């Protein structure tokens, strides 16, 4: 079963090194970065897999993805 988690992409300030940060709100602390939004999104997929593997090792609950939000307009 493949779980699809929402990912939030934020632009990093140049003072923070620039690039983009990808955050997974449903998985606390799960994030990655990249030079482009696409790279950050690719990188965060590995972070999601690692987060889930660690949770399984520690016998912790794995949150289900939040339902997609309705888009206005």
PDB file of N, CA and C in Angstrom:
ATOM      1  N   UNK A   1       0.846  -1.188   0.000  1.00  0.00           N
ATOM      2  CA  UNK A   1       0.000   0.000   0.000  1.00  0.00           C
ATOM      3  C   UNK A   1       0.882   1.239   0.000  1.00  0.00           C
ATOM      4  N   UNK A   2       0.692   2.094  -0.977  1.00  0.00           N
ATOM      5  CA  UNK A   2       1.483   3.316  -1.077  1.00  0.00           C
ATOM      6  C   UNK A   2       0.725   4.465  -0.421  1.00  0.00           C
ATOM      7  N   UNK A   3       1.409   5.174   0.449  1.00  0.00           N
ATOM      8  CA  UNK A   3       0.805   6.314   1.127  1.00  0.00           C
ATOM      9  C   UNK A   3       1.280   7.594   0.456  1.00  0.00           C
ATOM     10  N   UNK A   4       0.354   8.485   0.165  1.00  0.00           N
ATOM     11  CA  UNK A   4       0.669   9.758  -0.483  1.00  0.00           C
ATOM     12  C   UNK A   4       0.518  10.882   0.536  1.00  0.00           C
ATOM     13  N   UNK A   5       1.636  11.404   0.993  1.00  0.00           N
ATOM     14  CA  UNK A   5       1.622  12.489   1.965  1.00  0.00           C
ATOM     15  C   UNK A   5       1.725  13.837   1.264  1.00  0.00           C
ATOM     16  N   UNK A   6       0.994  14.808   1.799  1.00  0.00           N
ATOM     17  CA  UNK A   6       1.102  16.172   1.289  1.00  0.00           C
ATOM     18  C   UNK A   6       2.484  16.714   1.640  1.00  0.00           C
ATOM     19  N   UNK A   7       3.030  17.497   0.732  1.00  0.00           N
ATOM     20  CA  UNK A   7       4.344  18.111   0.929  1.00  0.00           C
ATOM     21  C   UNK A   7       4.198  19.610   0.720  1.00  0.00           C
ATOM     22  N   UNK A   8       4.755  20.381   1.636  1.00  0.00           N
ATOM     23  CA  UNK A   8       4.761  21.843   1.514  1.00  0.00           C
ATOM     24  C   UNK A   8       6.168  22.271   1.108  1.00  0.00           C
ATOM     25  N   UNK A   9       6.271  23.057   0.045  1.00  0.00           N
ATOM     26  CA  UNK A   9       7.558  23.545  -0.443  1.00  0.00           C
ATOM     27  C   UNK A   9       7.679  25.021  -0.079  1.00  0.00           C
ATOM     28  N   UNK A  10       8.802  25.375   0.530  1.00  0.00           N
ATOM     29  CA  UNK A  10       9.071  26.769   0.902  1.00  0.00           C
ATOM     30  C   UNK A  10      10.416  27.184   0.326  1.00  0.00           C
ATOM     31  N   UNK A  11      10.491  28.412  -0.129  1.00  0.00           N
ATOM     32  CA  UNK A  11      11.756  28.954  -0.616  1.00  0.00           C
ATOM     33  C   UNK A  11      12.590  29.366   0.592  1.00  0.00           C
ATOM     34  N   UNK A  12      13.865  28.986   0.583  1.00  0.00           N
ATOM     35  CA  UNK A  12      14.770  29.366   1.666  1.00  0.00           C
ATOM     36  C   UNK A  12      15.421  30.706   1.351  1.00  0.00           C
ATOM     37  N   UNK A  13      15.614  31.517   2.375  1.00  0.00           N
ATOM     38  CA  UNK A  13      16.283  32.804   2.208  1.00  0.00           C
ATOM     39  C   UNK A  13      17.734  32.576   1.792  1.00  0.00           C
ATOM     40  N   UNK A  14      18.268  33.504   1.042  1.00  0.00           N
ATOM     41  CA  UNK A  14      19.674  33.410   0.638  1.00  0.00           C
ATOM     42  C   UNK A  14      20.583  33.333   1.858  1.00  0.00           C
ATOM     43  N   UNK A  15      20.202  34.009   2.945  1.00  0.00           N
ATOM     44  CA  UNK A  15      21.010  33.964   4.172  1.00  0.00           C
ATOM     45  C   UNK A  15      21.012  32.566   4.798  1.00  0.00           C
ATOM     46  N   UNK A  16      20.037  31.732   4.424  1.00  0.00           N
ATOM     47  CA  UNK A  16      19.971  30.342   4.897  1.00  0.00           C
ATOM     48  C   UNK A  16      20.547  29.374   3.870  1.00  0.00           C
ATOM     49  N   UNK A  17      21.168  29.905   2.840  1.00  0.00           N
ATOM     50  CA  UNK A  17      21.785  29.060   1.822  1.00  0.00           C
ATOM     51  C   UNK A  17      21.003  28.963   0.530  1.00  0.00           C
ATOM     52  N   UNK A  18      19.803  29.555   0.492  1.00  0.00           N
ATOM     53  CA  UNK A  18      18.989  29.510  -0.715  1.00  0.00           C
ATOM     54  C   UNK A  18      18.411  28.131  -0.962  1.00  0.00           C
ATOM     55  N   UNK A  19      17.793  27.973  -2.107  1.00  0.00           N
ATOM     56  CA  UNK A  19      17.170  26.695  -2.448  1.00  0.00           C
ATOM     57  C   UNK A  19      15.760  26.594  -1.900  1.00  0.00           C
ATOM     58  N   UNK A  20      15.311  25.364  -1.740  1.00  0.00           N
ATOM     59  CA  UNK A  20      13.934  25.103  -1.325  1.00  0.00           C
ATOM     60  C   UNK A  20      13.894  24.028  -0.253  1.00  0.00           C
ATOM     61  N   UNK A  21      12.926  24.170   0.643  1.00  0.00           N
ATOM     62  CA  UNK A  21      12.715  23.222   1.724  1.00  0.00           C
ATOM     63  C   UNK A  21      11.388  22.510   1.476  1.00  0.00           C
ATOM     64  N   UNK A  22      11.387  21.192   1.579  1.00  0.00           N
ATOM     65  CA  UNK A  22      10.167  20.389   1.442  1.00  0.00           C
ATOM     66  C   UNK A  22       9.831  19.807   2.808  1.00  0.00           C
ATOM     67  N   UNK A  23       8.630  20.111   3.305  1.00  0.00           N
ATOM     68  CA  UNK A  23       8.169  19.667   4.623  1.00  0.00           C
ATOM     69  C   UNK A  23       6.967  18.743   4.464  1.00  0.00           C
ATOM     70  N   UNK A  24       6.880  17.742   5.337  1.00  0.00           N
ATOM     71  CA  UNK A  24       5.746  16.815   5.331  1.00  0.00           C
ATOM     72  C   UNK A  24       4.982  17.025   6.644  1.00  0.00           C
ATOM     73  N   UNK A  25       3.911  17.836   6.617  1.00  0.00           N
ATOM     74  CA  UNK A  25       3.206  18.173   7.857  1.00  0.00           C
ATOM     75  C   UNK A  25       2.692  16.973   8.652  1.00  0.00           C
ATOM     76  N   UNK A  26       2.318  15.887   7.978  1.00  0.00           N
ATOM     77  CA  UNK A  26       1.782  14.716   8.683  1.00  0.00           C
ATOM     78  C   UNK A  26       2.848  13.895   9.398  1.00  0.00           C
ATOM     79  N   UNK A  27       4.125  14.117   9.062  1.00  0.00           N
ATOM     80  CA  UNK A  27       5.221  13.342   9.652  1.00  0.00           C
ATOM     81  C   UNK A  27       6.173  14.310  10.357  1.00  0.00           C
ATOM     82  N   UNK A  28       6.003  14.524  11.651  1.00  0.00           N
ATOM     83  CA  UNK A  28       6.805  15.513  12.372  1.00  0.00           C
ATOM     84  C   UNK A  28       8.307  15.331  12.156  1.00  0.00           C
ATOM     85  N   UNK A  29       8.953  16.425  11.760  1.00  0.00           N
ATOM     86  CA  UNK A  29      10.399  16.414  11.560  1.00  0.00           C
ATOM     87  C   UNK A  29      10.835  15.889  10.211  1.00  0.00           C
ATOM     88  N   UNK A  30       9.895  15.454   9.380  1.00  0.00           N
ATOM     89  CA  UNK A  30      10.244  14.906   8.067  1.00  0.00           C
ATOM     90  C   UNK A  30      10.365  16.051   7.071  1.00  0.00           C
ATOM     91  N   UNK A  31      11.594  16.231   6.553  1.00  0.00           N
ATOM     92  CA  UNK A  31      11.842  17.317   5.611  1.00  0.00           C
ATOM     93  C   UNK A  31      13.104  17.028   4.822  1.00  0.00           C
ATOM     94  N   UNK A  32      13.265  17.762   3.738  1.00  0.00           N
ATOM     95  CA  UNK A  32      14.479  17.692   2.940  1.00  0.00           C
ATOM     96  C   UNK A  32      14.578  18.999   2.169  1.00  0.00           C
ATOM     97  N   UNK A  33      15.661  19.158   1.422  1.00  0.00           N
ATOM     98  CA  UNK A  33      15.817  20.387   0.655  1.00  0.00           C
ATOM     99  C   UNK A  33      16.394  20.081  -0.713  1.00  0.00           C
ATOM    100  N   UNK A  34      16.503  21.122  -1.522  1.00  0.00           N
ATOM    101  CA  UNK A  34      17.070  20.988  -2.853  1.00  0.00           C
ATOM    102  C   UNK A  34      17.285  22.353  -3.466  1.00  0.00           C
ATOM    103  N   UNK A  35      18.037  22.376  -4.547  1.00  0.00           N
ATOM    104  CA  UNK A  35      18.300  23.639  -5.245  1.00  0.00           C
ATOM    105  C   UNK A  35      17.058  24.160  -5.964  1.00  0.00           C
ATOM    106  N   UNK A  36      16.177  23.250  -6.374  1.00  0.00           N
ATOM    107  CA  UNK A  36      14.936  23.614  -7.061  1.00  0.00           C
ATOM    108  C   UNK A  36      13.766  22.968  -6.317  1.00  0.00           C
ATOM    109  N   UNK A  37      12.537  23.454  -6.560  1.00  0.00           N
ATOM    110  CA  UNK A  37      11.386  22.798  -5.925  1.00  0.00           C
ATOM    111  C   UNK A  37      11.288  21.323  -6.315  1.00  0.00           C
ATOM    112  N   UNK A  38      11.608  21.011  -7.567  1.00  0.00           N
ATOM    113  CA  UNK A  38      11.533  19.627  -8.038  1.00  0.00           C
ATOM    114  C   UNK A  38      12.547  18.743  -7.318  1.00  0.00           C
ATOM    115  N   UNK A  39      13.760  19.270  -7.127  1.00  0.00           N
ATOM    116  CA  UNK A  39      14.791  18.500  -6.423  1.00  0.00           C
ATOM    117  C   UNK A  39      14.396  18.281  -4.967  1.00  0.00           C
ATOM    118  N   UNK A  40      13.856  19.318  -4.328  1.00  0.00           N
ATOM    119  CA  UNK A  40      13.411  19.185  -2.937  1.00  0.00           C
ATOM    120  C   UNK A  40      12.312  18.127  -2.832  1.00  0.00           C
ATOM    121  N   UNK A  41      11.401  18.102  -3.801  1.00  0.00           N
ATOM    122  CA  UNK A  41      10.317  17.120  -3.799  1.00  0.00           C
ATOM    123  C   UNK A  41      10.859  15.705  -3.996  1.00  0.00           C
ATOM    124  N   UNK A  42      11.806  15.537  -4.904  1.00  0.00           N
ATOM    125  CA  UNK A  42      12.424  14.211  -5.086  1.00  0.00           C
ATOM    126  C   UNK A  42      13.135  13.775  -3.806  1.00  0.00           C
ATOM    127  N   UNK A  43      13.893  14.696  -3.209  1.00  0.00           N
ATOM    128  CA  UNK A  43      14.664  14.362  -2.012  1.00  0.00           C
ATOM    129  C   UNK A  43      13.774  14.010  -0.828  1.00  0.00           C
ATOM    130  N   UNK A  44      12.628  14.680  -0.711  1.00  0.00           N
ATOM    131  CA  UNK A  44      11.770  14.425   0.447  1.00  0.00           C
ATOM    132  C   UNK A  44      11.119  13.047   0.353  1.00  0.00           C
ATOM    133  N   UNK A  45      11.029  12.479  -0.840  1.00  0.00           N
ATOM    134  CA  UNK A  45      10.472  11.126  -0.959  1.00  0.00           C
ATOM    135  C   UNK A  45      11.338  10.122  -0.196  1.00  0.00           C
ATOM    136  N   UNK A  46      12.651  10.274  -0.278  1.00  0.00           N
ATOM    137  CA  UNK A  46      13.559   9.403   0.487  1.00  0.00           C
ATOM    138  C   UNK A  46      13.418   9.674   1.984  1.00  0.00           C
ATOM    139  N   UNK A  47      13.233  10.949   2.356  1.00  0.00           N
ATOM    140  CA  UNK A  47      13.042  11.288   3.769  1.00  0.00           C
ATOM    141  C   UNK A  47      11.770  10.634   4.311  1.00  0.00           C
ATOM    142  N   UNK A  48      10.712  10.595   3.496  1.00  0.00           N
ATOM    143  CA  UNK A  48       9.467   9.943   3.913  1.00  0.00           C
ATOM    144  C   UNK A  48       9.707   8.452   4.147  1.00  0.00           C
ATOM    145  N   UNK A  49      10.386   7.807   3.209  1.00  0.00           N
ATOM    146  CA  UNK A  49      10.675   6.374   3.372  1.00  0.00           C
ATOM    147  C   UNK A  49      11.488   6.119   4.640  1.00  0.00           C
ATOM    148  N   UNK A  50      12.501   6.957   4.876  1.00  0.00           N
ATOM    149  CA  UNK A  50      13.341   6.796   6.073  1.00  0.00           C
ATOM    150  C   UNK A  50      12.538   7.025   7.344  1.00  0.00           C
ATOM    151  N   UNK A  51      11.660   8.025   7.331  1.00  0.00           N
ATOM    152  CA  UNK A  51      10.835   8.342   8.496  1.00  0.00           C
ATOM    153  C   UNK A  51       9.968   7.132   8.837  1.00  0.00           C
ATOM    154  N   UNK A  52       9.333   6.553   7.823  1.00  0.00           N
ATOM    155  CA  UNK A  52       8.443   5.414   8.046  1.00  0.00           C
ATOM    156  C   UNK A  52       9.228   4.195   8.525  1.00  0.00           C
ATOM    157  N   UNK A  53      10.379   3.935   7.923  1.00  0.00           N
ATOM    158  CA  UNK A  53      11.217   2.808   8.356  1.00  0.00           C
ATOM    159  C   UNK A  53      11.627   2.961   9.818  1.00  0.00           C
ATOM    160  N   UNK A  54      12.027   4.167  10.203  1.00  0.00           N
ATOM    161  CA  UNK A  54      12.425   4.410  11.595  1.00  0.00           C
ATOM    162  C   UNK A  54      11.253   4.207  12.544  1.00  0.00           C
ATOM    163  N   UNK A  55      10.076   4.703  12.154  1.00  0.00           N
ATOM    164  CA  UNK A  55       8.889   4.534  12.998  1.00  0.00           C
ATOM    165  C   UNK A  55       8.579   3.051  13.190  1.00  0.00           C
ATOM    166  N   UNK A  56       8.717   2.261  12.125  1.00  0.00           N
ATOM    167  CA  UNK A  56       8.476   0.818  12.239  1.00  0.00           C
ATOM    168  C   UNK A  56       9.490   0.177  13.181  1.00  0.00           C
ATOM    169  N   UNK A  57      10.768   0.551  13.040  1.00  0.00           N
ATOM    170  CA  UNK A  57      11.810  -0.002  13.912  1.00  0.00           C
ATOM    171  C   UNK A  57      11.530   0.289  15.376  1.00  0.00           C
ATOM    172  N   UNK A  58      11.043   1.490  15.645  1.00  0.00           N
ATOM    173  CA  UNK A  58      10.774   1.908  17.023  1.00  0.00           C
ATOM    174  C   UNK A  58       9.365   1.545  17.463  1.00  0.00           C
ATOM    175  N   UNK A  59       8.639   0.818  16.603  1.00  0.00           N
ATOM    176  CA  UNK A  59       7.268   0.382  16.886  1.00  0.00           C
ATOM    177  C   UNK A  59       6.349   1.552  17.243  1.00  0.00           C
ATOM    178  N   UNK A  60       6.508   2.628  16.477  1.00  0.00           N
ATOM    179  CA  UNK A  60       5.666   3.806  16.655  1.00  0.00           C
ATOM    180  C   UNK A  60       4.587   3.821  15.577  1.00  0.00           C
ATOM    181  N   UNK A  61       3.489   4.477  15.898  1.00  0.00           N
ATOM    182  CA  UNK A  61       2.407   4.599  14.928  1.00  0.00           C
ATOM    183  C   UNK A  61       2.860   5.443  13.742  1.00  0.00           C
ATOM    184  N   UNK A  62       2.388   5.066  12.575  1.00  0.00           N
ATOM    185  CA  UNK A  62       2.664   5.828  11.359  1.00  0.00           C
ATOM    186  C   UNK A  62       1.371   6.544  10.983  1.00  0.00           C
ATOM    187  N   UNK A  63       1.388   7.879  11.029  1.00  0.00           N
ATOM    188  CA  UNK A  63       0.163   8.617  10.718  1.00  0.00           C
ATOM    189  C   UNK A  63      -0.297   8.363   9.285  1.00  0.00           C
ATOM    190  N   UNK A  64      -1.601   8.290   9.117  1.00  0.00           N
ATOM    191  CA  UNK A  64      -2.156   8.212   7.772  1.00  0.00           C
ATOM    192  C   UNK A  64      -2.091   9.611   7.165  1.00  0.00           C
ATOM    193  N   UNK A  65      -1.963   9.690   5.846  1.00  0.00           N
ATOM    194  CA  UNK A  65      -1.957  11.008   5.213  1.00  0.00           C
ATOM    195  C   UNK A  65      -3.279  11.732   5.463  1.00  0.00           C
ATOM    196  N   UNK A  66      -3.194  13.029   5.673  1.00  0.00           N
ATOM    197  CA  UNK A  66      -4.403  13.842   5.804  1.00  0.00           C
ATOM    198  C   UNK A  66      -5.144  13.828   4.476  1.00  0.00           C
ATOM    199  N   UNK A  67      -6.474  13.927   4.526  1.00  0.00           N
ATOM    200  CA  UNK A  67      -7.212  13.975   3.261  1.00  0.00           C
ATOM    201  C   UNK A  67      -6.844  15.242   2.490  1.00  0.00           C
ATOM    202  N   UNK A  68      -6.876  15.165   1.161  1.00  0.00           N
ATOM    203  CA  UNK A  68      -6.558  16.364   0.367  1.00  0.00           C
ATOM    204  C   UNK A  68      -7.528  17.484   0.705  1.00  0.00           C
ATOM    205  N   UNK A  69      -7.006  18.688   0.726  1.00  0.00           N
ATOM    206  CA  UNK A  69      -7.848  19.853   1.009  1.00  0.00           C
ATOM    207  C   UNK A  69      -8.559  20.272  -0.271  1.00  0.00           C
ATOM    208  N   UNK A  70      -9.801  20.716  -0.115  1.00  0.00           N
ATOM    209  CA  UNK A  70     -10.535  21.233  -1.268  1.00  0.00           C
ATOM    210  C   UNK A  70      -9.908  22.554  -1.692  1.00  0.00           C
ATOM    211  N   UNK A  71      -9.816  22.750  -2.966  1.00  0.00           N
ATOM    212  CA  UNK A  71      -9.230  23.992  -3.476  1.00  0.00           C
ATOM    213  C   UNK A  71     -10.341  24.960  -3.831  1.00  0.00           C
ATOM    214  N   UNK A  72     -10.164  26.194  -3.403  1.00  0.00           N
ATOM    215  CA  UNK A  72     -11.152  27.226  -3.715  1.00  0.00           C
ATOM    216  C   UNK A  72     -10.959  27.689  -5.156  1.00  0.00           C
ATOM    217  N   UNK A  73     -12.070  27.994  -5.809  1.00  0.00           N
ATOM    218  CA  UNK A  73     -11.989  28.583  -7.148  1.00  0.00           C
ATOM    219  C   UNK A  73     -11.988  27.610  -8.172  1.00  0.00           C
TER     220      UNK A  73
END
